[in-house]
N, C-alpha and C. Protein backbone atom coordinates (compact mmCIF):
# COMPACT_ATOMS: atom_id res chain seq x y z
N UNK A 1 87.42 99.64 93.67
CA UNK A 1 88.06 100.21 94.91
C UNK A 1 88.09 101.70 94.87
N UNK A 2 88.01 102.29 96.10
CA UNK A 2 87.95 103.77 96.19
C UNK A 2 89.36 104.34 96.16
N UNK A 3 90.26 103.74 96.86
CA UNK A 3 91.59 104.34 97.04
C UNK A 3 92.60 103.21 97.11
N UNK A 4 92.88 102.54 95.99
CA UNK A 4 93.78 101.32 96.04
C UNK A 4 95.22 101.61 96.21
N UNK A 5 95.93 100.76 96.98
CA UNK A 5 97.38 100.77 97.18
C UNK A 5 97.98 99.43 96.83
N UNK A 6 99.14 99.35 96.28
CA UNK A 6 99.75 98.05 95.94
C UNK A 6 101.04 97.88 96.72
N UNK A 7 101.15 96.72 97.39
CA UNK A 7 102.33 96.38 98.23
C UNK A 7 102.92 95.13 97.62
N UNK A 8 104.32 95.02 97.83
CA UNK A 8 105.07 93.88 97.24
C UNK A 8 105.71 93.14 98.40
N UNK A 9 105.40 91.83 98.57
CA UNK A 9 105.97 91.00 99.61
C UNK A 9 106.75 89.85 98.99
N UNK A 10 107.80 89.40 99.63
CA UNK A 10 108.54 88.27 99.19
C UNK A 10 108.74 87.27 100.37
N UNK A 11 108.22 86.07 100.26
CA UNK A 11 108.23 85.13 101.37
C UNK A 11 109.09 83.90 100.97
N UNK A 12 110.15 83.59 101.77
CA UNK A 12 110.89 82.37 101.51
C UNK A 12 110.07 81.18 101.73
N UNK A 13 110.24 80.19 100.91
CA UNK A 13 109.51 78.90 101.09
C UNK A 13 110.38 77.86 101.74
N UNK A 14 109.90 77.34 102.84
CA UNK A 14 110.71 76.38 103.58
C UNK A 14 110.39 74.94 103.16
N UNK A 15 109.11 74.70 102.79
CA UNK A 15 108.70 73.33 102.48
C UNK A 15 107.64 73.39 101.34
N UNK A 16 108.03 72.98 100.11
CA UNK A 16 107.05 73.01 98.99
C UNK A 16 105.92 71.99 99.22
N UNK A 17 106.21 70.89 99.92
CA UNK A 17 105.24 69.83 100.05
C UNK A 17 103.98 70.30 100.78
N UNK A 18 104.17 71.12 101.71
CA UNK A 18 102.93 71.59 102.60
C UNK A 18 102.40 72.92 102.18
N UNK A 19 102.98 73.55 101.18
CA UNK A 19 102.47 74.84 100.65
C UNK A 19 101.08 74.60 100.09
N UNK A 20 100.05 75.34 100.55
CA UNK A 20 98.77 75.12 100.10
C UNK A 20 98.55 75.38 98.60
N UNK A 21 97.72 74.56 98.02
CA UNK A 21 97.50 74.73 96.55
C UNK A 21 96.68 75.96 96.31
N UNK A 22 95.74 76.26 97.33
CA UNK A 22 94.89 77.45 97.17
C UNK A 22 95.55 78.56 98.06
N UNK A 23 96.65 79.00 97.53
CA UNK A 23 97.49 80.02 98.30
C UNK A 23 96.72 81.31 98.63
N UNK A 24 95.99 81.81 97.64
CA UNK A 24 95.24 83.06 97.81
C UNK A 24 94.19 82.91 98.91
N UNK A 25 93.41 81.77 98.81
CA UNK A 25 92.40 81.57 99.82
C UNK A 25 92.99 81.42 101.24
N UNK A 26 94.08 80.75 101.25
CA UNK A 26 94.83 80.58 102.56
C UNK A 26 95.13 81.95 103.19
N UNK A 27 95.72 82.80 102.36
CA UNK A 27 96.10 84.10 102.82
C UNK A 27 94.90 84.94 103.28
N UNK A 28 93.80 84.96 102.45
CA UNK A 28 92.62 85.78 102.76
C UNK A 28 92.01 85.30 104.07
N UNK A 29 92.01 83.96 104.28
CA UNK A 29 91.43 83.55 105.59
C UNK A 29 92.28 83.94 106.74
N UNK A 30 93.52 83.81 106.63
CA UNK A 30 94.44 84.21 107.83
C UNK A 30 94.49 85.73 107.94
N UNK A 31 94.41 86.49 106.87
CA UNK A 31 94.40 87.98 106.96
C UNK A 31 93.16 88.40 107.71
N UNK A 32 92.02 87.79 107.37
CA UNK A 32 90.77 88.18 108.06
C UNK A 32 90.79 87.72 109.57
N UNK A 33 91.44 86.61 109.76
CA UNK A 33 91.61 86.17 111.19
C UNK A 33 92.47 87.17 111.99
N UNK A 34 93.48 87.62 111.38
CA UNK A 34 94.40 88.64 112.09
C UNK A 34 93.63 89.97 112.28
N UNK A 35 92.83 90.27 111.30
CA UNK A 35 92.04 91.53 111.44
C UNK A 35 90.97 91.41 112.58
N UNK A 36 90.39 90.29 112.68
CA UNK A 36 89.42 90.03 113.81
C UNK A 36 90.16 90.14 115.16
N UNK A 37 91.36 89.56 115.20
CA UNK A 37 92.10 89.58 116.44
C UNK A 37 92.42 91.02 116.84
N UNK A 38 92.77 91.83 115.84
CA UNK A 38 93.06 93.25 116.14
C UNK A 38 91.86 93.92 116.64
N UNK A 39 90.66 93.64 116.13
CA UNK A 39 89.48 94.26 116.61
C UNK A 39 89.21 93.97 118.08
N UNK A 40 89.65 92.81 118.54
CA UNK A 40 89.41 92.40 119.88
C UNK A 40 90.57 92.81 120.76
N UNK A 41 91.55 93.46 120.25
CA UNK A 41 92.69 93.82 121.05
C UNK A 41 92.51 95.17 121.72
N UNK A 42 93.46 95.71 122.30
CA UNK A 42 93.44 97.00 123.00
C UNK A 42 93.11 98.15 122.04
N UNK A 43 93.19 97.85 120.74
CA UNK A 43 92.89 98.93 119.77
C UNK A 43 91.47 98.80 119.30
N UNK A 44 90.67 98.07 119.97
CA UNK A 44 89.31 97.77 119.54
C UNK A 44 88.48 99.07 119.28
N UNK A 45 88.66 100.00 120.19
CA UNK A 45 87.83 101.25 120.08
C UNK A 45 88.19 101.95 118.78
N UNK A 46 89.38 101.84 118.27
CA UNK A 46 89.78 102.47 116.97
C UNK A 46 89.30 101.71 115.79
N UNK A 47 89.27 100.38 115.86
CA UNK A 47 88.99 99.56 114.75
C UNK A 47 87.53 99.07 114.56
N UNK A 48 86.78 99.15 115.59
CA UNK A 48 85.49 98.43 115.55
C UNK A 48 84.55 99.05 114.51
N UNK A 49 84.69 100.32 114.20
CA UNK A 49 83.75 100.96 113.18
C UNK A 49 84.20 100.73 111.75
N UNK A 50 85.35 100.07 111.55
CA UNK A 50 85.89 99.93 110.24
C UNK A 50 85.67 98.48 109.73
N UNK A 51 85.28 98.32 108.48
CA UNK A 51 85.13 97.02 107.91
C UNK A 51 86.45 96.47 107.42
N UNK A 52 86.44 95.16 107.17
CA UNK A 52 87.67 94.56 106.65
C UNK A 52 87.96 95.12 105.28
N UNK A 53 89.23 95.56 105.05
CA UNK A 53 89.58 96.13 103.72
C UNK A 53 89.48 95.22 102.58
N UNK A 54 89.11 95.70 101.46
CA UNK A 54 89.04 94.91 100.25
C UNK A 54 90.45 94.64 99.72
N UNK A 55 90.76 93.39 99.39
CA UNK A 55 92.06 93.04 98.95
C UNK A 55 92.05 92.19 97.68
N UNK A 56 93.01 92.32 96.83
CA UNK A 56 93.27 91.55 95.68
C UNK A 56 94.67 91.10 95.65
N UNK A 57 95.01 90.03 94.90
CA UNK A 57 96.29 89.48 95.08
C UNK A 57 96.81 88.77 93.77
N UNK A 58 98.18 88.95 93.55
CA UNK A 58 98.81 88.27 92.41
C UNK A 58 100.01 87.59 93.07
N UNK A 59 100.35 86.31 92.70
CA UNK A 59 101.53 85.74 93.24
C UNK A 59 102.27 84.92 92.18
N UNK A 60 103.59 84.74 92.39
CA UNK A 60 104.43 83.96 91.55
C UNK A 60 105.39 83.19 92.42
N UNK A 61 105.35 81.87 92.32
CA UNK A 61 106.24 80.98 93.06
C UNK A 61 107.53 80.74 92.28
N UNK A 62 108.69 80.92 92.84
CA UNK A 62 109.93 80.87 92.08
C UNK A 62 111.03 80.22 92.81
N UNK A 63 112.10 79.79 92.10
CA UNK A 63 113.29 79.20 92.74
C UNK A 63 114.51 79.56 91.91
N UNK A 64 115.55 79.81 92.61
CA UNK A 64 116.84 80.13 91.93
C UNK A 64 117.95 79.75 92.87
N UNK A 65 119.17 79.59 92.30
CA UNK A 65 120.38 79.36 93.11
C UNK A 65 121.04 80.75 93.34
N UNK A 66 121.42 80.96 94.60
CA UNK A 66 122.06 82.25 94.96
C UNK A 66 123.41 81.88 95.67
N UNK A 67 124.22 82.87 95.81
CA UNK A 67 125.47 82.70 96.51
C UNK A 67 125.23 82.29 97.98
N UNK A 68 125.95 81.35 98.52
CA UNK A 68 125.82 80.91 99.94
C UNK A 68 126.53 81.89 100.82
N UNK A 69 125.69 82.68 101.60
CA UNK A 69 126.34 83.67 102.54
C UNK A 69 127.17 83.00 103.61
N UNK A 70 126.95 81.65 103.89
CA UNK A 70 127.65 81.01 104.99
C UNK A 70 128.72 80.14 104.52
N UNK A 71 129.12 80.27 103.17
CA UNK A 71 130.15 79.38 102.62
C UNK A 71 131.48 79.60 103.35
N UNK A 72 132.09 78.47 103.71
CA UNK A 72 133.48 78.49 104.36
C UNK A 72 134.22 77.34 103.74
N UNK A 73 135.37 77.70 103.22
CA UNK A 73 136.22 76.62 102.66
C UNK A 73 136.63 75.65 103.73
N UNK A 74 136.38 74.33 103.42
CA UNK A 74 136.80 73.28 104.38
C UNK A 74 135.64 73.04 105.39
N UNK A 75 134.54 73.70 105.34
CA UNK A 75 133.41 73.51 106.31
C UNK A 75 132.50 72.55 105.61
N UNK A 76 132.41 71.27 106.06
CA UNK A 76 131.45 70.30 105.37
C UNK A 76 130.02 70.74 105.32
N UNK A 77 129.60 71.52 106.30
CA UNK A 77 128.15 71.90 106.30
C UNK A 77 127.87 73.06 105.41
N UNK A 78 128.90 73.85 105.09
CA UNK A 78 128.73 74.99 104.22
C UNK A 78 129.76 74.99 103.05
N UNK A 79 129.86 73.83 102.46
CA UNK A 79 130.82 73.62 101.37
C UNK A 79 130.42 74.04 99.96
N UNK A 80 129.06 74.32 99.83
CA UNK A 80 128.54 74.71 98.56
C UNK A 80 128.57 76.20 98.33
N UNK A 81 129.09 76.62 97.15
CA UNK A 81 129.16 78.04 96.79
C UNK A 81 127.77 78.63 96.59
N UNK A 82 126.78 77.87 96.21
CA UNK A 82 125.48 78.37 96.02
C UNK A 82 124.49 77.52 96.82
N UNK A 83 123.31 78.10 97.08
CA UNK A 83 122.21 77.43 97.74
C UNK A 83 120.88 77.72 96.99
N UNK A 84 119.92 76.82 97.18
CA UNK A 84 118.67 77.00 96.52
C UNK A 84 117.80 78.02 97.29
N UNK A 85 117.30 79.00 96.60
CA UNK A 85 116.38 80.00 97.25
C UNK A 85 115.02 79.80 96.68
N UNK A 86 114.10 79.18 97.45
CA UNK A 86 112.71 79.01 97.01
C UNK A 86 111.87 80.11 97.70
N UNK A 87 111.06 80.78 96.89
CA UNK A 87 110.36 81.96 97.41
C UNK A 87 109.15 82.21 96.59
N UNK A 88 108.26 83.09 97.13
CA UNK A 88 107.08 83.49 96.40
C UNK A 88 106.96 84.95 96.46
N UNK A 89 106.75 85.59 95.32
CA UNK A 89 106.52 87.03 95.20
C UNK A 89 105.02 87.27 95.28
N UNK A 90 104.62 88.23 96.08
CA UNK A 90 103.15 88.51 96.21
C UNK A 90 102.96 90.02 95.96
N UNK A 91 102.02 90.33 95.08
CA UNK A 91 101.53 91.69 94.95
C UNK A 91 100.16 91.72 95.63
N UNK A 92 100.14 92.58 96.63
CA UNK A 92 98.82 92.74 97.42
C UNK A 92 98.23 94.13 97.17
N UNK A 93 97.04 94.16 96.66
CA UNK A 93 96.30 95.41 96.43
C UNK A 93 95.24 95.59 97.49
N UNK A 94 95.32 96.72 98.19
CA UNK A 94 94.46 96.97 99.33
C UNK A 94 93.72 98.27 99.03
N UNK A 95 92.35 98.27 99.30
CA UNK A 95 91.63 99.50 99.29
C UNK A 95 91.63 100.14 100.59
N UNK A 96 92.32 101.31 100.71
CA UNK A 96 92.43 101.95 102.07
C UNK A 96 91.24 102.94 102.23
N UNK A 97 90.27 102.91 101.27
CA UNK A 97 89.06 103.77 101.36
C UNK A 97 89.47 105.16 101.52
N UNK A 98 88.88 105.88 102.41
CA UNK A 98 89.17 107.30 102.54
C UNK A 98 90.24 107.42 103.73
N UNK A 99 91.41 106.77 103.41
CA UNK A 99 92.54 106.78 104.37
C UNK A 99 92.20 106.15 105.73
N UNK A 100 91.30 105.12 105.66
CA UNK A 100 90.94 104.41 106.87
C UNK A 100 92.09 103.52 107.43
N UNK A 101 93.01 103.10 106.52
CA UNK A 101 94.09 102.19 106.86
C UNK A 101 95.42 102.82 106.47
N UNK A 102 96.44 102.47 107.18
CA UNK A 102 97.83 102.93 106.88
C UNK A 102 98.75 101.76 106.48
N UNK A 103 99.87 102.07 105.87
CA UNK A 103 100.74 100.98 105.44
C UNK A 103 101.21 100.12 106.56
N UNK A 104 101.51 100.74 107.69
CA UNK A 104 102.03 100.00 108.86
C UNK A 104 101.08 98.91 109.33
N UNK A 105 99.80 99.31 109.46
CA UNK A 105 98.78 98.43 109.94
C UNK A 105 98.52 97.24 109.04
N UNK A 106 98.47 97.59 107.69
CA UNK A 106 98.23 96.58 106.66
C UNK A 106 99.47 95.62 106.61
N UNK A 107 100.65 96.17 106.68
CA UNK A 107 101.84 95.40 106.59
C UNK A 107 101.95 94.40 107.77
N UNK A 108 101.68 94.83 108.97
CA UNK A 108 101.74 93.99 110.20
C UNK A 108 100.84 92.85 110.04
N UNK A 109 99.56 93.21 109.70
CA UNK A 109 98.52 92.07 109.54
C UNK A 109 98.91 91.09 108.44
N UNK A 110 99.39 91.63 107.25
CA UNK A 110 99.77 90.78 106.19
C UNK A 110 100.99 89.89 106.52
N UNK A 111 101.96 90.47 107.26
CA UNK A 111 103.11 89.71 107.65
C UNK A 111 102.69 88.51 108.57
N UNK A 112 101.77 88.83 109.54
CA UNK A 112 101.30 87.78 110.42
C UNK A 112 100.52 86.73 109.66
N UNK A 113 99.73 87.08 108.67
CA UNK A 113 98.98 86.16 107.87
C UNK A 113 99.96 85.25 107.11
N UNK A 114 100.94 85.84 106.34
CA UNK A 114 101.88 84.98 105.66
C UNK A 114 102.64 84.10 106.57
N UNK A 115 102.94 84.59 107.78
CA UNK A 115 103.71 83.77 108.73
C UNK A 115 102.93 82.54 109.18
N UNK A 116 101.64 82.48 108.95
CA UNK A 116 100.74 81.38 109.42
C UNK A 116 100.47 80.42 108.26
N UNK A 117 100.97 80.70 107.05
CA UNK A 117 100.71 79.84 105.93
C UNK A 117 101.69 78.59 105.94
N UNK A 118 101.21 77.43 105.90
CA UNK A 118 102.11 76.27 105.89
C UNK A 118 103.06 76.28 104.66
N UNK A 119 104.32 76.04 104.96
CA UNK A 119 105.29 75.98 103.89
C UNK A 119 106.14 77.28 103.85
N UNK A 120 105.62 78.39 104.28
CA UNK A 120 106.31 79.65 104.34
C UNK A 120 107.32 79.63 105.51
N UNK A 121 108.61 80.05 105.24
CA UNK A 121 109.60 80.14 106.29
C UNK A 121 109.22 81.21 107.29
N UNK A 122 108.91 80.86 108.50
CA UNK A 122 108.48 81.83 109.47
C UNK A 122 109.53 82.85 109.94
N UNK A 123 109.17 83.99 110.35
CA UNK A 123 110.04 84.96 110.89
C UNK A 123 109.42 85.65 112.10
N UNK A 124 110.21 86.37 112.78
CA UNK A 124 109.73 87.15 113.99
C UNK A 124 109.08 88.38 113.55
N UNK A 125 107.83 88.61 113.87
CA UNK A 125 107.11 89.75 113.42
C UNK A 125 107.23 90.91 114.49
N UNK A 126 107.77 92.02 114.10
CA UNK A 126 107.84 93.17 114.93
C UNK A 126 106.81 94.22 114.57
N UNK A 127 106.11 94.67 115.52
CA UNK A 127 105.06 95.64 115.26
C UNK A 127 105.69 97.08 115.02
N UNK A 128 106.83 97.29 115.55
CA UNK A 128 107.53 98.54 115.37
C UNK A 128 108.71 98.34 114.35
N UNK A 129 108.45 98.85 113.14
CA UNK A 129 109.51 98.66 112.10
C UNK A 129 110.63 99.64 112.27
N UNK A 130 111.86 99.25 111.94
CA UNK A 130 113.02 100.03 112.17
C UNK A 130 113.45 100.63 110.81
N UNK A 131 113.81 101.92 110.71
CA UNK A 131 114.20 102.55 109.51
C UNK A 131 115.65 102.92 109.59
N UNK A 132 116.40 102.77 108.49
CA UNK A 132 117.81 103.16 108.42
C UNK A 132 118.02 103.75 107.05
N UNK A 133 119.20 104.30 106.88
CA UNK A 133 119.54 104.84 105.57
C UNK A 133 120.98 104.47 105.23
N UNK A 134 121.22 104.02 104.03
CA UNK A 134 122.60 103.67 103.58
C UNK A 134 122.81 104.12 102.18
N UNK A 135 123.90 104.86 102.04
CA UNK A 135 124.33 105.39 100.68
C UNK A 135 123.24 106.13 99.99
N UNK A 136 122.46 106.91 100.76
CA UNK A 136 121.40 107.70 100.14
C UNK A 136 120.13 106.92 99.79
N UNK A 137 120.10 105.58 100.03
CA UNK A 137 118.96 104.81 99.70
C UNK A 137 118.29 104.44 101.06
N UNK A 138 116.98 104.51 101.06
CA UNK A 138 116.27 104.21 102.25
C UNK A 138 116.10 102.68 102.40
N UNK A 139 116.34 102.09 103.51
CA UNK A 139 116.06 100.69 103.69
C UNK A 139 115.26 100.56 104.99
N UNK A 140 114.61 99.46 105.12
CA UNK A 140 113.77 99.30 106.32
C UNK A 140 113.67 97.81 106.66
N UNK A 141 113.25 97.47 107.81
CA UNK A 141 112.99 96.10 108.24
C UNK A 141 111.51 96.03 108.42
N UNK A 142 110.82 95.35 107.50
CA UNK A 142 109.34 95.25 107.51
C UNK A 142 108.87 93.78 107.27
N UNK A 143 109.59 92.90 107.85
CA UNK A 143 109.18 91.49 107.61
C UNK A 143 109.30 91.06 106.18
N UNK A 144 108.19 90.53 105.66
CA UNK A 144 108.14 90.10 104.25
C UNK A 144 108.03 91.19 103.25
N UNK A 145 107.62 92.43 103.71
CA UNK A 145 107.40 93.55 102.84
C UNK A 145 108.70 93.96 102.17
N UNK A 146 108.63 94.13 100.83
CA UNK A 146 109.74 94.63 100.06
C UNK A 146 109.49 96.10 99.74
N UNK A 147 110.37 96.95 100.24
CA UNK A 147 110.10 98.43 100.06
C UNK A 147 110.59 98.85 98.70
N UNK A 148 110.17 99.98 98.26
CA UNK A 148 110.44 100.46 96.91
C UNK A 148 111.85 101.04 96.80
N UNK A 149 112.33 101.05 95.61
CA UNK A 149 113.72 101.54 95.37
C UNK A 149 113.67 102.63 94.32
N UNK A 150 114.54 103.67 94.50
CA UNK A 150 114.58 104.76 93.48
C UNK A 150 115.10 104.24 92.17
N UNK A 151 115.77 103.09 92.20
CA UNK A 151 116.32 102.50 90.95
C UNK A 151 115.20 101.89 90.07
N UNK A 152 114.03 101.71 90.62
CA UNK A 152 112.94 101.03 89.90
C UNK A 152 111.82 101.97 89.40
N UNK A 153 112.13 103.22 89.37
CA UNK A 153 111.08 104.23 88.94
C UNK A 153 111.04 104.20 87.42
N UNK A 154 109.80 104.49 86.91
CA UNK A 154 109.61 104.57 85.46
C UNK A 154 110.33 105.78 84.91
N UNK A 155 110.14 106.98 85.62
CA UNK A 155 110.77 108.19 85.20
C UNK A 155 111.99 108.45 86.07
N UNK A 156 113.22 108.25 85.53
CA UNK A 156 114.40 108.46 86.31
C UNK A 156 114.51 109.79 86.79
N UNK A 157 114.99 109.93 88.03
CA UNK A 157 115.12 111.26 88.65
C UNK A 157 113.95 111.66 89.50
N UNK A 158 112.78 111.06 89.29
CA UNK A 158 111.65 111.39 90.15
C UNK A 158 111.64 110.49 91.39
N UNK A 159 110.96 111.02 92.37
CA UNK A 159 110.88 110.28 93.64
C UNK A 159 109.51 109.80 93.83
N UNK A 160 109.23 109.29 95.05
CA UNK A 160 107.85 108.80 95.39
C UNK A 160 107.51 109.19 96.81
N UNK A 161 106.24 109.26 97.10
CA UNK A 161 105.81 109.74 98.39
C UNK A 161 105.91 108.65 99.48
N UNK A 162 105.72 107.41 99.09
CA UNK A 162 105.66 106.33 100.06
C UNK A 162 106.65 105.26 99.67
N UNK A 163 107.45 104.83 100.66
CA UNK A 163 108.35 103.62 100.40
C UNK A 163 107.64 102.38 100.28
N UNK A 164 106.48 102.24 100.95
CA UNK A 164 105.89 100.96 101.27
C UNK A 164 104.81 100.53 100.36
N UNK A 165 104.31 101.41 99.49
CA UNK A 165 103.25 100.95 98.52
C UNK A 165 103.12 101.99 97.42
N UNK A 166 102.45 101.52 96.35
CA UNK A 166 102.17 102.42 95.25
C UNK A 166 100.64 102.87 95.31
N UNK A 167 100.51 104.18 95.06
CA UNK A 167 99.18 104.71 94.90
C UNK A 167 98.69 104.43 93.48
N UNK A 168 97.70 103.57 93.26
CA UNK A 168 97.36 103.12 91.95
C UNK A 168 96.62 104.20 91.15
N UNK A 169 96.26 105.31 91.82
CA UNK A 169 95.61 106.40 91.13
C UNK A 169 96.64 107.35 90.51
N UNK A 170 97.75 107.56 91.27
CA UNK A 170 98.74 108.53 90.84
C UNK A 170 100.08 107.87 90.35
N UNK A 171 100.29 106.59 90.57
CA UNK A 171 101.52 105.95 90.26
C UNK A 171 101.22 104.64 89.47
N UNK A 172 100.17 104.62 88.65
CA UNK A 172 99.71 103.44 88.05
C UNK A 172 100.84 102.83 87.14
N UNK A 173 101.46 103.63 86.27
CA UNK A 173 102.48 103.14 85.33
C UNK A 173 103.63 102.50 86.00
N UNK A 174 104.13 103.14 87.15
CA UNK A 174 105.18 102.55 87.92
C UNK A 174 104.77 101.30 88.59
N UNK A 175 103.51 101.20 89.05
CA UNK A 175 103.01 100.01 89.69
C UNK A 175 102.95 98.89 88.70
N UNK A 176 102.59 99.18 87.45
CA UNK A 176 102.50 98.05 86.42
C UNK A 176 103.94 97.55 86.23
N UNK A 177 104.92 98.38 86.05
CA UNK A 177 106.34 97.95 85.83
C UNK A 177 106.74 97.12 86.98
N UNK A 178 106.39 97.44 88.24
CA UNK A 178 106.76 96.65 89.47
C UNK A 178 106.06 95.24 89.44
N UNK A 179 104.77 95.27 89.13
CA UNK A 179 104.05 94.05 89.08
C UNK A 179 104.43 93.11 87.92
N UNK A 180 104.92 93.68 86.85
CA UNK A 180 105.31 92.88 85.68
C UNK A 180 106.50 92.02 86.01
N UNK A 181 107.22 92.38 87.09
CA UNK A 181 108.43 91.56 87.50
C UNK A 181 107.97 90.14 87.78
N UNK A 182 106.75 89.92 88.17
CA UNK A 182 106.23 88.62 88.52
C UNK A 182 106.01 87.78 87.23
N UNK A 183 106.07 88.37 86.07
CA UNK A 183 105.80 87.64 84.83
C UNK A 183 107.03 86.94 84.32
N UNK A 184 108.17 87.14 84.92
CA UNK A 184 109.42 86.49 84.43
C UNK A 184 109.30 85.00 84.58
N UNK A 185 109.90 84.26 83.60
CA UNK A 185 109.79 82.78 83.67
C UNK A 185 111.12 82.09 83.88
N UNK A 186 112.25 82.75 84.03
CA UNK A 186 113.49 82.06 84.08
C UNK A 186 113.67 81.47 85.51
N UNK A 187 112.86 81.82 86.49
CA UNK A 187 113.02 81.20 87.82
C UNK A 187 111.97 80.16 88.10
N UNK A 188 111.49 79.49 86.94
CA UNK A 188 110.47 78.46 87.14
C UNK A 188 111.07 77.11 86.92
N UNK A 189 112.15 76.93 86.22
CA UNK A 189 112.70 75.64 85.89
C UNK A 189 113.09 74.77 87.02
N UNK A 190 113.45 75.37 88.20
CA UNK A 190 113.90 74.60 89.31
C UNK A 190 112.75 74.20 90.35
N UNK A 191 111.50 74.64 89.96
CA UNK A 191 110.36 74.34 90.81
C UNK A 191 109.99 72.83 90.72
N UNK A 192 109.40 72.27 91.80
CA UNK A 192 108.86 70.92 91.69
C UNK A 192 107.81 70.77 90.64
N UNK A 193 107.65 69.52 90.18
CA UNK A 193 106.70 69.31 89.04
C UNK A 193 105.25 69.76 89.35
N UNK A 194 104.82 69.70 90.61
CA UNK A 194 103.48 70.02 90.95
C UNK A 194 103.12 71.48 90.61
N UNK A 195 104.15 72.33 90.43
CA UNK A 195 103.91 73.74 90.09
C UNK A 195 104.09 74.00 88.64
N UNK A 196 104.23 72.99 87.85
CA UNK A 196 104.38 73.16 86.36
C UNK A 196 103.36 74.14 85.75
N UNK A 197 102.14 73.99 86.19
CA UNK A 197 101.00 74.84 85.65
C UNK A 197 100.32 75.64 86.63
N UNK A 198 100.97 75.76 87.86
CA UNK A 198 100.19 76.55 88.92
C UNK A 198 101.15 77.34 89.80
N UNK A 199 102.17 77.86 89.19
CA UNK A 199 103.19 78.66 89.98
C UNK A 199 102.82 80.17 89.95
N UNK A 200 101.77 80.50 89.19
CA UNK A 200 101.42 81.86 89.10
C UNK A 200 99.80 81.97 89.15
N UNK A 201 99.31 82.90 89.94
CA UNK A 201 97.85 83.01 90.04
C UNK A 201 97.47 84.39 90.45
N UNK A 202 96.20 84.70 90.25
CA UNK A 202 95.63 85.99 90.60
C UNK A 202 94.23 85.78 91.18
N UNK A 203 93.80 86.80 91.94
CA UNK A 203 92.45 86.77 92.45
C UNK A 203 91.41 86.75 91.38
N UNK A 204 90.47 85.87 91.52
CA UNK A 204 89.46 85.85 90.49
C UNK A 204 88.30 86.79 90.80
N UNK A 205 87.79 87.34 89.74
CA UNK A 205 86.65 88.30 89.82
C UNK A 205 85.42 87.59 90.40
N UNK A 206 84.65 88.26 91.28
CA UNK A 206 83.41 87.60 91.83
C UNK A 206 82.41 87.38 90.76
N UNK A 207 81.82 86.18 90.80
CA UNK A 207 80.72 85.83 89.82
C UNK A 207 79.60 86.82 89.88
N UNK A 208 79.14 87.24 88.75
CA UNK A 208 77.95 88.16 88.75
C UNK A 208 76.71 87.23 88.76
N UNK A 209 75.70 87.63 89.47
CA UNK A 209 74.43 86.88 89.50
C UNK A 209 73.82 86.66 88.11
N UNK A 210 73.37 85.52 87.91
CA UNK A 210 72.83 85.19 86.58
C UNK A 210 71.46 85.86 86.42
N UNK A 211 71.27 86.53 85.28
CA UNK A 211 70.03 87.21 85.06
C UNK A 211 69.19 86.37 84.06
N UNK A 212 67.97 86.05 84.52
CA UNK A 212 67.07 85.21 83.77
C UNK A 212 66.06 86.17 83.10
N UNK A 213 65.98 86.18 81.81
CA UNK A 213 65.06 87.02 81.12
C UNK A 213 63.71 86.22 80.92
N UNK A 214 62.64 86.74 81.36
CA UNK A 214 61.35 86.10 81.22
C UNK A 214 60.55 86.84 80.15
N UNK A 215 60.05 86.14 79.15
CA UNK A 215 59.31 86.71 78.16
C UNK A 215 57.88 86.21 78.23
N UNK A 216 56.96 87.03 78.02
CA UNK A 216 55.48 86.64 78.13
C UNK A 216 54.99 86.29 76.75
N UNK A 217 54.35 85.09 76.74
CA UNK A 217 53.82 84.67 75.48
C UNK A 217 52.50 85.38 75.15
N UNK A 218 52.28 85.73 73.89
CA UNK A 218 51.02 86.36 73.54
C UNK A 218 50.14 85.46 72.70
């Protein structure tokens, strides 16, 4: 990749039974579909000279019990203190080439692609993201995209240029720390049995063409 960026998405899982076993392939197909739609939209003149960006992916399917935000004492429908939170963490690495693509464009297309995957809990996708600030920390509404936090920096006290992705050329160490979050195993015990050996996966390297060496007999 010429200029790779790393983005972190978290998608709630609504139905494990229909979640595709080939999750990465499902995302790539839908991402390309959304890209083609954009090319044929009113932005066609801007996009038509650009090729589909190169992408790589890491994901981890997880489940945990969290505090029930709707709990009400005496309410039979919300009588449980905790609820099951099934979700998938995704690290998406995108080559923006020579700044051909920006975080907003990639995030919108990725959100729409995730929204079309069976089993993912759908949400309303907004093309115009809203930015707010609370207690000195930047927050944002970006669909499934999880923005960066100052609390997660490798070097305390330092800041970062972009809330929405890591520059893998200048922030590689911090990106590795962020991506290593997907390696945790404590949120695997509550997953269905079908994910016992397949709750974590990464993009596979393309196969290299086989080279056949021909020797001449003398």
